[in-house]
mmCIF file of all heavy atoms, coordinates in Angstrom:
data_MODEL
# 
_entry.id   MODEL 
# 
loop_
_atom_site.group_PDB 
_atom_site.id 
_atom_site.type_symbol 
_atom_site.label_atom_id 
_atom_site.label_alt_id 
_atom_site.label_comp_id 
_atom_site.label_asym_id 
_atom_site.label_entity_id 
_atom_site.label_seq_id 
_atom_site.pdbx_PDB_ins_code 
_atom_site.Cartn_x 
_atom_site.Cartn_y 
_atom_site.Cartn_z 
_atom_site.occupancy 
_atom_site.B_iso_or_equiv 
_atom_site.pdbx_formal_charge 
_atom_site.auth_seq_id 
_atom_site.auth_comp_id 
_atom_site.auth_asym_id 
_atom_site.auth_atom_id 
_atom_site.pdbx_PDB_model_num 
ATOM 1   N N   . SER A 1 1  ? 193.265 -163.348 109.681 1.00 0.00 ? 1  SER A N   1 
ATOM 2   C CA  . SER A 1 1  ? 191.928 -163.788 110.072 1.00 0.00 ? 1  SER A CA  1 
ATOM 3   C C   . SER A 1 1  ? 191.022 -162.605 110.382 1.00 0.00 ? 1  SER A C   1 
ATOM 4   O O   . SER A 1 1  ? 191.485 -161.567 110.836 1.00 0.00 ? 1  SER A O   1 
ATOM 5   C CB  . SER A 1 1  ? 192.010 -164.682 111.316 1.00 0.00 ? 1  SER A CB  1 
ATOM 6   O OG  . SER A 1 1  ? 192.779 -165.824 111.054 1.00 0.00 ? 1  SER A OG  1 
ATOM 7   N N   . LEU A 1 2  ? 189.750 -162.809 110.151 1.00 0.00 ? 2  LEU A N   1 
ATOM 8   C CA  . LEU A 1 2  ? 188.752 -161.803 110.514 1.00 0.00 ? 2  LEU A CA  1 
ATOM 9   C C   . LEU A 1 2  ? 188.326 -162.035 111.964 1.00 0.00 ? 2  LEU A C   1 
ATOM 10  O O   . LEU A 1 2  ? 188.357 -163.165 112.446 1.00 0.00 ? 2  LEU A O   1 
ATOM 11  C CB  . LEU A 1 2  ? 187.524 -161.930 109.617 1.00 0.00 ? 2  LEU A CB  1 
ATOM 12  C CG  . LEU A 1 2  ? 187.706 -161.609 108.142 1.00 0.00 ? 2  LEU A CG  1 
ATOM 13  C CD1 . LEU A 1 2  ? 186.444 -161.966 107.381 1.00 0.00 ? 2  LEU A CD1 1 
ATOM 14  C CD2 . LEU A 1 2  ? 188.036 -160.143 107.970 1.00 0.00 ? 2  LEU A CD2 1 
ATOM 15  N N   . PRO A 1 3  ? 187.874 -161.008 112.643 1.00 0.00 ? 3  PRO A N   1 
ATOM 16  C CA  . PRO A 1 3  ? 187.328 -161.232 113.985 1.00 0.00 ? 3  PRO A CA  1 
ATOM 17  C C   . PRO A 1 3  ? 186.005 -162.003 113.883 1.00 0.00 ? 3  PRO A C   1 
ATOM 18  O O   . PRO A 1 3  ? 185.309 -161.922 112.864 1.00 0.00 ? 3  PRO A O   1 
ATOM 19  C CB  . PRO A 1 3  ? 187.112 -159.825 114.526 1.00 0.00 ? 3  PRO A CB  1 
ATOM 20  C CG  . PRO A 1 3  ? 187.051 -158.951 113.329 1.00 0.00 ? 3  PRO A CG  1 
ATOM 21  C CD  . PRO A 1 3  ? 187.881 -159.604 112.256 1.00 0.00 ? 3  PRO A CD  1 
ATOM 22  N N   . VAL A 1 4  ? 185.659 -162.728 114.912 1.00 0.00 ? 4  VAL A N   1 
ATOM 23  C CA  . VAL A 1 4  ? 184.414 -163.489 114.921 1.00 0.00 ? 4  VAL A CA  1 
ATOM 24  C C   . VAL A 1 4  ? 183.218 -162.573 114.654 1.00 0.00 ? 4  VAL A C   1 
ATOM 25  O O   . VAL A 1 4  ? 182.276 -162.946 113.959 1.00 0.00 ? 4  VAL A O   1 
ATOM 26  C CB  . VAL A 1 4  ? 184.245 -164.230 116.269 1.00 0.00 ? 4  VAL A CB  1 
ATOM 27  C CG1 . VAL A 1 4  ? 182.888 -164.912 116.348 1.00 0.00 ? 4  VAL A CG1 1 
ATOM 28  C CG2 . VAL A 1 4  ? 185.355 -165.241 116.461 1.00 0.00 ? 4  VAL A CG2 1 
ATOM 29  N N   . SER A 1 5  ? 183.277 -161.364 115.138 1.00 0.00 ? 5  SER A N   1 
ATOM 30  C CA  . SER A 1 5  ? 182.164 -160.427 114.959 1.00 0.00 ? 5  SER A CA  1 
ATOM 31  C C   . SER A 1 5  ? 181.886 -160.138 113.480 1.00 0.00 ? 5  SER A C   1 
ATOM 32  O O   . SER A 1 5  ? 180.770 -159.765 113.116 1.00 0.00 ? 5  SER A O   1 
ATOM 33  C CB  . SER A 1 5  ? 182.442 -159.123 115.704 1.00 0.00 ? 5  SER A CB  1 
ATOM 34  O OG  . SER A 1 5  ? 183.628 -158.525 115.219 1.00 0.00 ? 5  SER A OG  1 
ATOM 35  N N   . ALA A 1 6  ? 182.878 -160.316 112.613 1.00 0.00 ? 6  ALA A N   1 
ATOM 36  C CA  . ALA A 1 6  ? 182.683 -160.071 111.176 1.00 0.00 ? 6  ALA A CA  1 
ATOM 37  C C   . ALA A 1 6  ? 181.667 -161.038 110.579 1.00 0.00 ? 6  ALA A C   1 
ATOM 38  O O   . ALA A 1 6  ? 181.055 -160.746 109.548 1.00 0.00 ? 6  ALA A O   1 
ATOM 39  C CB  . ALA A 1 6  ? 184.011 -160.182 110.431 1.00 0.00 ? 6  ALA A CB  1 
ATOM 40  N N   . LEU A 1 7  ? 181.462 -162.190 111.236 1.00 0.00 ? 7  LEU A N   1 
ATOM 41  C CA  . LEU A 1 7  ? 180.502 -163.165 110.729 1.00 0.00 ? 7  LEU A CA  1 
ATOM 42  C C   . LEU A 1 7  ? 179.060 -162.701 110.866 1.00 0.00 ? 7  LEU A C   1 
ATOM 43  O O   . LEU A 1 7  ? 178.149 -163.335 110.349 1.00 0.00 ? 7  LEU A O   1 
ATOM 44  C CB  . LEU A 1 7  ? 180.700 -164.514 111.430 1.00 0.00 ? 7  LEU A CB  1 
ATOM 45  C CG  . LEU A 1 7  ? 182.027 -165.203 111.117 1.00 0.00 ? 7  LEU A CG  1 
ATOM 46  C CD1 . LEU A 1 7  ? 182.220 -166.415 112.001 1.00 0.00 ? 7  LEU A CD1 1 
ATOM 47  C CD2 . LEU A 1 7  ? 182.107 -165.585 109.649 1.00 0.00 ? 7  LEU A CD2 1 
ATOM 48  N N   . ALA A 1 8  ? 178.828 -161.602 111.535 1.00 0.00 ? 8  ALA A N   1 
ATOM 49  C CA  . ALA A 1 8  ? 177.484 -161.036 111.621 1.00 0.00 ? 8  ALA A CA  1 
ATOM 50  C C   . ALA A 1 8  ? 177.086 -160.369 110.304 1.00 0.00 ? 8  ALA A C   1 
ATOM 51  O O   . ALA A 1 8  ? 175.900 -160.143 110.048 1.00 0.00 ? 8  ALA A O   1 
ATOM 52  C CB  . ALA A 1 8  ? 177.414 -160.028 112.760 1.00 0.00 ? 8  ALA A CB  1 
ATOM 53  N N   . ASP A 1 9  ? 178.077 -160.080 109.454 1.00 0.00 ? 9  ASP A N   1 
ATOM 54  C CA  . ASP A 1 9  ? 177.838 -159.446 108.155 1.00 0.00 ? 9  ASP A CA  1 
ATOM 55  C C   . ASP A 1 9  ? 177.447 -160.523 107.134 1.00 0.00 ? 9  ASP A C   1 
ATOM 56  O O   . ASP A 1 9  ? 178.180 -161.485 106.922 1.00 0.00 ? 9  ASP A O   1 
ATOM 57  C CB  . ASP A 1 9  ? 179.108 -158.713 107.708 1.00 0.00 ? 9  ASP A CB  1 
ATOM 58  C CG  . ASP A 1 9  ? 178.951 -158.007 106.375 1.00 0.00 ? 9  ASP A CG  1 
ATOM 59  O OD1 . ASP A 1 9  ? 177.879 -158.079 105.756 1.00 0.00 ? 9  ASP A OD1 1 
ATOM 60  O OD2 . ASP A 1 9  ? 179.944 -157.372 105.945 1.00 0.00 ? 9  ASP A OD2 1 
ATOM 61  N N   . ALA A 1 10 ? 176.300 -160.378 106.490 1.00 0.00 ? 10 ALA A N   1 
ATOM 62  C CA  . ALA A 1 10 ? 175.802 -161.366 105.532 1.00 0.00 ? 10 ALA A CA  1 
ATOM 63  C C   . ALA A 1 10 ? 176.769 -161.574 104.367 1.00 0.00 ? 10 ALA A C   1 
ATOM 64  O O   . ALA A 1 10 ? 176.918 -162.697 103.877 1.00 0.00 ? 10 ALA A O   1 
ATOM 65  C CB  . ALA A 1 10 ? 174.429 -160.950 105.020 1.00 0.00 ? 10 ALA A CB  1 
ATOM 66  N N   . ASP A 1 11 ? 177.428 -160.508 103.910 1.00 0.00 ? 11 ASP A N   1 
ATOM 67  C CA  . ASP A 1 11 ? 178.375 -160.652 102.801 1.00 0.00 ? 11 ASP A CA  1 
ATOM 68  C C   . ASP A 1 11 ? 179.555 -161.540 103.188 1.00 0.00 ? 11 ASP A C   1 
ATOM 69  O O   . ASP A 1 11 ? 180.019 -162.362 102.394 1.00 0.00 ? 11 ASP A O   1 
ATOM 70  C CB  . ASP A 1 11 ? 178.887 -159.282 102.348 1.00 0.00 ? 11 ASP A CB  1 
ATOM 71  C CG  . ASP A 1 11 ? 177.808 -158.454 101.659 1.00 0.00 ? 11 ASP A CG  1 
ATOM 72  O OD1 . ASP A 1 11 ? 176.845 -159.067 101.128 1.00 0.00 ? 11 ASP A OD1 1 
ATOM 73  O OD2 . ASP A 1 11 ? 177.919 -157.223 101.659 1.00 0.00 ? 11 ASP A OD2 1 
ATOM 74  N N   . VAL A 1 12 ? 180.039 -161.367 104.407 1.00 0.00 ? 12 VAL A N   1 
ATOM 75  C CA  . VAL A 1 12 ? 181.154 -162.196 104.890 1.00 0.00 ? 12 VAL A CA  1 
ATOM 76  C C   . VAL A 1 12 ? 180.715 -163.652 104.983 1.00 0.00 ? 12 VAL A C   1 
ATOM 77  O O   . VAL A 1 12 ? 181.437 -164.567 104.570 1.00 0.00 ? 12 VAL A O   1 
ATOM 78  C CB  . VAL A 1 12 ? 181.675 -161.689 106.259 1.00 0.00 ? 12 VAL A CB  1 
ATOM 79  C CG1 . VAL A 1 12 ? 182.699 -162.642 106.847 1.00 0.00 ? 12 VAL A CG1 1 
ATOM 80  C CG2 . VAL A 1 12 ? 182.263 -160.293 106.106 1.00 0.00 ? 12 VAL A CG2 1 
ATOM 81  N N   . LEU A 1 13 ? 179.509 -163.886 105.504 1.00 0.00 ? 13 LEU A N   1 
ATOM 82  C CA  . LEU A 1 13 ? 178.985 -165.242 105.601 1.00 0.00 ? 13 LEU A CA  1 
ATOM 83  C C   . LEU A 1 13 ? 178.843 -165.885 104.225 1.00 0.00 ? 13 LEU A C   1 
ATOM 84  O O   . LEU A 1 13 ? 179.204 -167.047 104.038 1.00 0.00 ? 13 LEU A O   1 
ATOM 85  C CB  . LEU A 1 13 ? 177.617 -165.244 106.291 1.00 0.00 ? 13 LEU A CB  1 
ATOM 86  C CG  . LEU A 1 13 ? 177.612 -165.247 107.800 1.00 0.00 ? 13 LEU A CG  1 
ATOM 87  C CD1 . LEU A 1 13 ? 176.186 -165.185 108.320 1.00 0.00 ? 13 LEU A CD1 1 
ATOM 88  C CD2 . LEU A 1 13 ? 178.319 -166.445 108.357 1.00 0.00 ? 13 LEU A CD2 1 
ATOM 89  N N   . CYS A 1 14 ? 178.332 -165.137 103.270 1.00 0.00 ? 14 CYS A N   1 
ATOM 90  C CA  . CYS A 1 14 ? 178.173 -165.675 101.911 1.00 0.00 ? 14 CYS A CA  1 
ATOM 91  C C   . CYS A 1 14 ? 179.519 -166.016 101.292 1.00 0.00 ? 14 CYS A C   1 
ATOM 92  O O   . CYS A 1 14 ? 179.660 -167.055 100.636 1.00 0.00 ? 14 CYS A O   1 
ATOM 93  C CB  . CYS A 1 14 ? 177.392 -164.699 101.028 1.00 0.00 ? 14 CYS A CB  1 
ATOM 94  S SG  . CYS A 1 14 ? 175.638 -164.643 101.437 1.00 0.00 ? 14 CYS A SG  1 
ATOM 95  N N   . ARG A 1 15 ? 180.515 -165.157 101.504 1.00 0.00 ? 15 ARG A N   1 
ATOM 96  C CA  . ARG A 1 15 ? 181.865 -165.460 100.992 1.00 0.00 ? 15 ARG A CA  1 
ATOM 97  C C   . ARG A 1 15 ? 182.416 -166.717 101.643 1.00 0.00 ? 15 ARG A C   1 
ATOM 98  O O   . ARG A 1 15 ? 183.048 -167.539 100.991 1.00 0.00 ? 15 ARG A O   1 
ATOM 99  C CB  . ARG A 1 15 ? 182.801 -164.279 101.220 1.00 0.00 ? 15 ARG A CB  1 
ATOM 100 C CG  . ARG A 1 15 ? 182.601 -163.145 100.234 1.00 0.00 ? 15 ARG A CG  1 
ATOM 101 C CD  . ARG A 1 15 ? 183.771 -162.160 100.173 1.00 0.00 ? 15 ARG A CD  1 
ATOM 102 N NE  . ARG A 1 15 ? 184.478 -161.945 101.414 1.00 0.00 ? 15 ARG A NE  1 
ATOM 103 C CZ  . ARG A 1 15 ? 184.345 -160.893 102.221 1.00 0.00 ? 15 ARG A CZ  1 
ATOM 104 N NH1 . ARG A 1 15 ? 183.500 -159.942 101.891 1.00 0.00 ? 15 ARG A NH1 1 
ATOM 105 N NH2 . ARG A 1 15 ? 185.045 -160.772 103.318 1.00 0.00 ? 15 ARG A NH2 1 
ATOM 106 N N   . ALA A 1 16 ? 182.178 -166.877 102.943 1.00 0.00 ? 16 ALA A N   1 
ATOM 107 C CA  . ALA A 1 16 ? 182.647 -168.073 103.652 1.00 0.00 ? 16 ALA A CA  1 
ATOM 108 C C   . ALA A 1 16 ? 181.959 -169.323 103.112 1.00 0.00 ? 16 ALA A C   1 
ATOM 109 O O   . ALA A 1 16 ? 182.599 -170.340 102.867 1.00 0.00 ? 16 ALA A O   1 
ATOM 110 C CB  . ALA A 1 16 ? 182.403 -167.930 105.148 1.00 0.00 ? 16 ALA A CB  1 
ATOM 111 N N   . LEU A 1 17 ? 180.656 -169.239 102.904 1.00 0.00 ? 17 LEU A N   1 
ATOM 112 C CA  . LEU A 1 17 ? 179.913 -170.386 102.375 1.00 0.00 ? 17 LEU A CA  1 
ATOM 113 C C   . LEU A 1 17 ? 180.352 -170.718 100.950 1.00 0.00 ? 17 LEU A C   1 
ATOM 114 O O   . LEU A 1 17 ? 180.485 -171.885 100.587 1.00 0.00 ? 17 LEU A O   1 
ATOM 115 C CB  . LEU A 1 17 ? 178.416 -170.111 102.433 1.00 0.00 ? 17 LEU A CB  1 
ATOM 116 C CG  . LEU A 1 17 ? 177.824 -170.060 103.845 1.00 0.00 ? 17 LEU A CG  1 
ATOM 117 C CD1 . LEU A 1 17 ? 176.399 -169.512 103.799 1.00 0.00 ? 17 LEU A CD1 1 
ATOM 118 C CD2 . LEU A 1 17 ? 177.855 -171.413 104.508 1.00 0.00 ? 17 LEU A CD2 1 
ATOM 119 N N   . ASP A 1 18 ? 180.597 -169.679 100.140 1.00 0.00 ? 18 ASP A N   1 
ATOM 120 C CA  . ASP A 1 18 ? 181.091 -169.911 98.777  1.00 0.00 ? 18 ASP A CA  1 
ATOM 121 C C   . ASP A 1 18 ? 182.454 -170.595 98.803  1.00 0.00 ? 18 ASP A C   1 
ATOM 122 O O   . ASP A 1 18 ? 182.735 -171.486 97.999  1.00 0.00 ? 18 ASP A O   1 
ATOM 123 C CB  . ASP A 1 18 ? 181.187 -168.597 98.000  1.00 0.00 ? 18 ASP A CB  1 
ATOM 124 C CG  . ASP A 1 18 ? 179.825 -168.036 97.621  1.00 0.00 ? 18 ASP A CG  1 
ATOM 125 O OD1 . ASP A 1 18 ? 178.835 -168.797 97.640  1.00 0.00 ? 18 ASP A OD1 1 
ATOM 126 O OD2 . ASP A 1 18 ? 179.761 -166.829 97.305  1.00 0.00 ? 18 ASP A OD2 1 
ATOM 127 N N   . ALA A 1 19 ? 183.304 -170.193 99.742  1.00 0.00 ? 19 ALA A N   1 
ATOM 128 C CA  . ALA A 1 19 ? 184.637 -170.796 99.852  1.00 0.00 ? 19 ALA A CA  1 
ATOM 129 C C   . ALA A 1 19 ? 184.547 -172.264 100.243 1.00 0.00 ? 19 ALA A C   1 
ATOM 130 O O   . ALA A 1 19 ? 185.379 -173.081 99.817  1.00 0.00 ? 19 ALA A O   1 
ATOM 131 C CB  . ALA A 1 19 ? 185.481 -170.030 100.873 1.00 0.00 ? 19 ALA A CB  1 
ATOM 132 N N   . MET A 1 20 ? 183.544 -172.620 101.012 1.00 0.00 ? 20 MET A N   1 
ATOM 133 C CA  . MET A 1 20 ? 183.369 -174.019 101.411 1.00 0.00 ? 20 MET A CA  1 
ATOM 134 C C   . MET A 1 20 ? 182.975 -174.908 100.247 1.00 0.00 ? 20 MET A C   1 
ATOM 135 O O   . MET A 1 20 ? 183.064 -176.122 100.328 1.00 0.00 ? 20 MET A O   1 
ATOM 136 C CB  . MET A 1 20 ? 182.304 -174.121 102.501 1.00 0.00 ? 20 MET A CB  1 
ATOM 137 C CG  . MET A 1 20 ? 182.753 -173.584 103.815 1.00 0.00 ? 20 MET A CG  1 
ATOM 138 S SD  . MET A 1 20 ? 181.407 -173.731 104.991 1.00 0.00 ? 20 MET A SD  1 
ATOM 139 C CE  . MET A 1 20 ? 181.716 -172.268 105.963 1.00 0.00 ? 20 MET A CE  1 
ATOM 140 N N   . CYS A 1 21 ? 182.528 -174.309 99.167  1.00 0.00 ? 21 CYS A N   1 
ATOM 141 C CA  . CYS A 1 21 ? 182.115 -175.063 97.986  1.00 0.00 ? 21 CYS A CA  1 
ATOM 142 C C   . CYS A 1 21 ? 183.252 -175.255 96.998  1.00 0.00 ? 21 CYS A C   1 
ATOM 143 O O   . CYS A 1 21 ? 183.053 -175.749 95.898  1.00 0.00 ? 21 CYS A O   1 
ATOM 144 C CB  . CYS A 1 21 ? 180.953 -174.343 97.296  1.00 0.00 ? 21 CYS A CB  1 
ATOM 145 S SG  . CYS A 1 21 ? 179.480 -174.301 98.310  1.00 0.00 ? 21 CYS A SG  1 
ATOM 146 N N   . ARG A 1 22 ? 184.445 -174.837 97.385  1.00 0.00 ? 22 ARG A N   1 
ATOM 147 C CA  . ARG A 1 22 ? 185.617 -174.952 96.512  1.00 0.00 ? 22 ARG A CA  1 
ATOM 148 C C   . ARG A 1 22 ? 186.698 -175.785 97.183  1.00 0.00 ? 22 ARG A C   1 
ATOM 149 O O   . ARG A 1 22 ? 186.853 -175.769 98.396  1.00 0.00 ? 22 ARG A O   1 
ATOM 150 C CB  . ARG A 1 22 ? 186.191 -173.575 96.217  1.00 0.00 ? 22 ARG A CB  1 
ATOM 151 C CG  . ARG A 1 22 ? 185.231 -172.677 95.528  1.00 0.00 ? 22 ARG A CG  1 
ATOM 152 C CD  . ARG A 1 22 ? 185.639 -172.477 94.091  1.00 0.00 ? 22 ARG A CD  1 
ATOM 153 N NE  . ARG A 1 22 ? 184.524 -171.988 93.314  1.00 0.00 ? 22 ARG A NE  1 
ATOM 154 C CZ  . ARG A 1 22 ? 184.061 -172.615 92.250  1.00 0.00 ? 22 ARG A CZ  1 
ATOM 155 N NH1 . ARG A 1 22 ? 184.604 -173.713 91.850  1.00 0.00 ? 22 ARG A NH1 1 
ATOM 156 N NH2 . ARG A 1 22 ? 183.049 -172.132 91.585  1.00 0.00 ? 22 ARG A NH2 1 
ATOM 157 N N   . LYS A 1 23 ? 187.440 -176.507 96.365  1.00 0.00 ? 23 LYS A N   1 
ATOM 158 C CA  . LYS A 1 23 ? 188.606 -177.230 96.867  1.00 0.00 ? 23 LYS A CA  1 
ATOM 159 C C   . LYS A 1 23 ? 189.775 -176.252 96.909  1.00 0.00 ? 23 LYS A C   1 
ATOM 160 O O   . LYS A 1 23 ? 189.672 -175.123 96.416  1.00 0.00 ? 23 LYS A O   1 
ATOM 161 C CB  . LYS A 1 23 ? 188.932 -178.411 95.935  1.00 0.00 ? 23 LYS A CB  1 
ATOM 162 C CG  . LYS A 1 23 ? 187.821 -179.453 95.897  1.00 0.00 ? 23 LYS A CG  1 
ATOM 163 C CD  . LYS A 1 23 ? 188.220 -180.705 95.160  1.00 0.00 ? 23 LYS A CD  1 
ATOM 164 C CE  . LYS A 1 23 ? 188.254 -180.491 93.666  1.00 0.00 ? 23 LYS A CE  1 
ATOM 165 N NZ  . LYS A 1 23 ? 188.490 -181.710 92.904  1.00 0.00 ? 23 LYS A NZ  1 
ATOM 166 N N   . LEU A 1 24 ? 190.892 -176.676 97.476  1.00 0.00 ? 24 LEU A N   1 
ATOM 167 C CA  . LEU A 1 24 ? 192.054 -175.793 97.585  1.00 0.00 ? 24 LEU A CA  1 
ATOM 168 C C   . LEU A 1 24 ? 192.583 -175.362 96.222  1.00 0.00 ? 24 LEU A C   1 
ATOM 169 O O   . LEU A 1 24 ? 193.148 -174.279 96.094  1.00 0.00 ? 24 LEU A O   1 
ATOM 170 C CB  . LEU A 1 24 ? 193.165 -176.475 98.389  1.00 0.00 ? 24 LEU A CB  1 
ATOM 171 C CG  . LEU A 1 24 ? 192.874 -176.642 99.877  1.00 0.00 ? 24 LEU A CG  1 
ATOM 172 C CD1 . LEU A 1 24 ? 194.006 -177.398 100.553 1.00 0.00 ? 24 LEU A CD1 1 
ATOM 173 C CD2 . LEU A 1 24 ? 192.670 -175.296 100.544 1.00 0.00 ? 24 LEU A CD2 1 
ATOM 174 N N   . ASP A 1 25 ? 192.387 -176.196 95.192  1.00 0.00 ? 25 ASP A N   1 
ATOM 175 C CA  . ASP A 1 25 ? 192.856 -175.829 93.853  1.00 0.00 ? 25 ASP A CA  1 
ATOM 176 C C   . ASP A 1 25 ? 191.888 -174.897 93.127  1.00 0.00 ? 25 ASP A C   1 
ATOM 177 O O   . ASP A 1 25 ? 192.107 -174.517 91.986  1.00 0.00 ? 25 ASP A O   1 
ATOM 178 C CB  . ASP A 1 25 ? 193.140 -177.080 93.016  1.00 0.00 ? 25 ASP A CB  1 
ATOM 179 C CG  . ASP A 1 25 ? 191.899 -177.931 92.762  1.00 0.00 ? 25 ASP A CG  1 
ATOM 180 O OD1 . ASP A 1 25 ? 190.776 -177.524 93.126  1.00 0.00 ? 25 ASP A OD1 1 
ATOM 181 O OD2 . ASP A 1 25 ? 192.056 -179.024 92.184  1.00 0.00 ? 25 ASP A OD2 1 
ATOM 182 N N   . GLY A 1 26 ? 190.778 -174.524 93.785  1.00 0.00 ? 26 GLY A N   1 
ATOM 183 C CA  . GLY A 1 26 ? 189.820 -173.590 93.202  1.00 0.00 ? 26 GLY A CA  1 
ATOM 184 C C   . GLY A 1 26 ? 188.686 -174.250 92.443  1.00 0.00 ? 26 GLY A C   1 
ATOM 185 O O   . GLY A 1 26 ? 187.715 -173.595 92.081  1.00 0.00 ? 26 GLY A O   1 
ATOM 186 N N   . LYS A 1 27 ? 188.780 -175.561 92.212  1.00 0.00 ? 27 LYS A N   1 
ATOM 187 C CA  . LYS A 1 27 ? 187.713 -176.269 91.505  1.00 0.00 ? 27 LYS A CA  1 
ATOM 188 C C   . LYS A 1 27 ? 186.539 -176.496 92.447  1.00 0.00 ? 27 LYS A C   1 
ATOM 189 O O   . LYS A 1 27 ? 186.690 -176.467 93.660  1.00 0.00 ? 27 LYS A O   1 
ATOM 190 C CB  . LYS A 1 27 ? 188.230 -177.619 90.989  1.00 0.00 ? 27 LYS A CB  1 
ATOM 191 C CG  . LYS A 1 27 ? 189.289 -177.485 89.922  1.00 0.00 ? 27 LYS A CG  1 
ATOM 192 C CD  . LYS A 1 27 ? 189.753 -178.841 89.463  1.00 0.00 ? 27 LYS A CD  1 
ATOM 193 C CE  . LYS A 1 27 ? 190.874 -178.709 88.444  1.00 0.00 ? 27 LYS A CE  1 
ATOM 194 N NZ  . LYS A 1 27 ? 191.436 -180.014 88.093  1.00 0.00 ? 27 LYS A NZ  1 
ATOM 195 N N   . ALA A 1 28 ? 185.376 -176.725 91.866  1.00 0.00 ? 28 ALA A N   1 
ATOM 196 C CA  . ALA A 1 28 ? 184.177 -176.953 92.670  1.00 0.00 ? 28 ALA A CA  1 
ATOM 197 C C   . ALA A 1 28 ? 184.297 -178.258 93.456  1.00 0.00 ? 28 ALA A C   1 
ATOM 198 O O   . ALA A 1 28 ? 184.750 -179.269 92.917  1.00 0.00 ? 28 ALA A O   1 
ATOM 199 C CB  . ALA A 1 28 ? 182.948 -177.007 91.773  1.00 0.00 ? 28 ALA A CB  1 
ATOM 200 N N   . ALA A 1 29 ? 183.916 -178.211 94.716  1.00 0.00 ? 29 ALA A N   1 
ATOM 201 C CA  . ALA A 1 29 ? 183.891 -179.411 95.547  1.00 0.00 ? 29 ALA A CA  1 
ATOM 202 C C   . ALA A 1 29 ? 182.583 -180.153 95.296  1.00 0.00 ? 29 ALA A C   1 
ATOM 203 O O   . ALA A 1 29 ? 181.621 -179.582 94.781  1.00 0.00 ? 29 ALA A O   1 
ATOM 204 C CB  . ALA A 1 29 ? 184.006 -179.025 97.016  1.00 0.00 ? 29 ALA A CB  1 
# 
């Protein structure tokens, strides 16, 4: 896991948001 402070980085936030748009199998949600 990343520390909570890493969420201050825009790149980390964008990666997190992109991950939320995918299912566990990698297909688009």
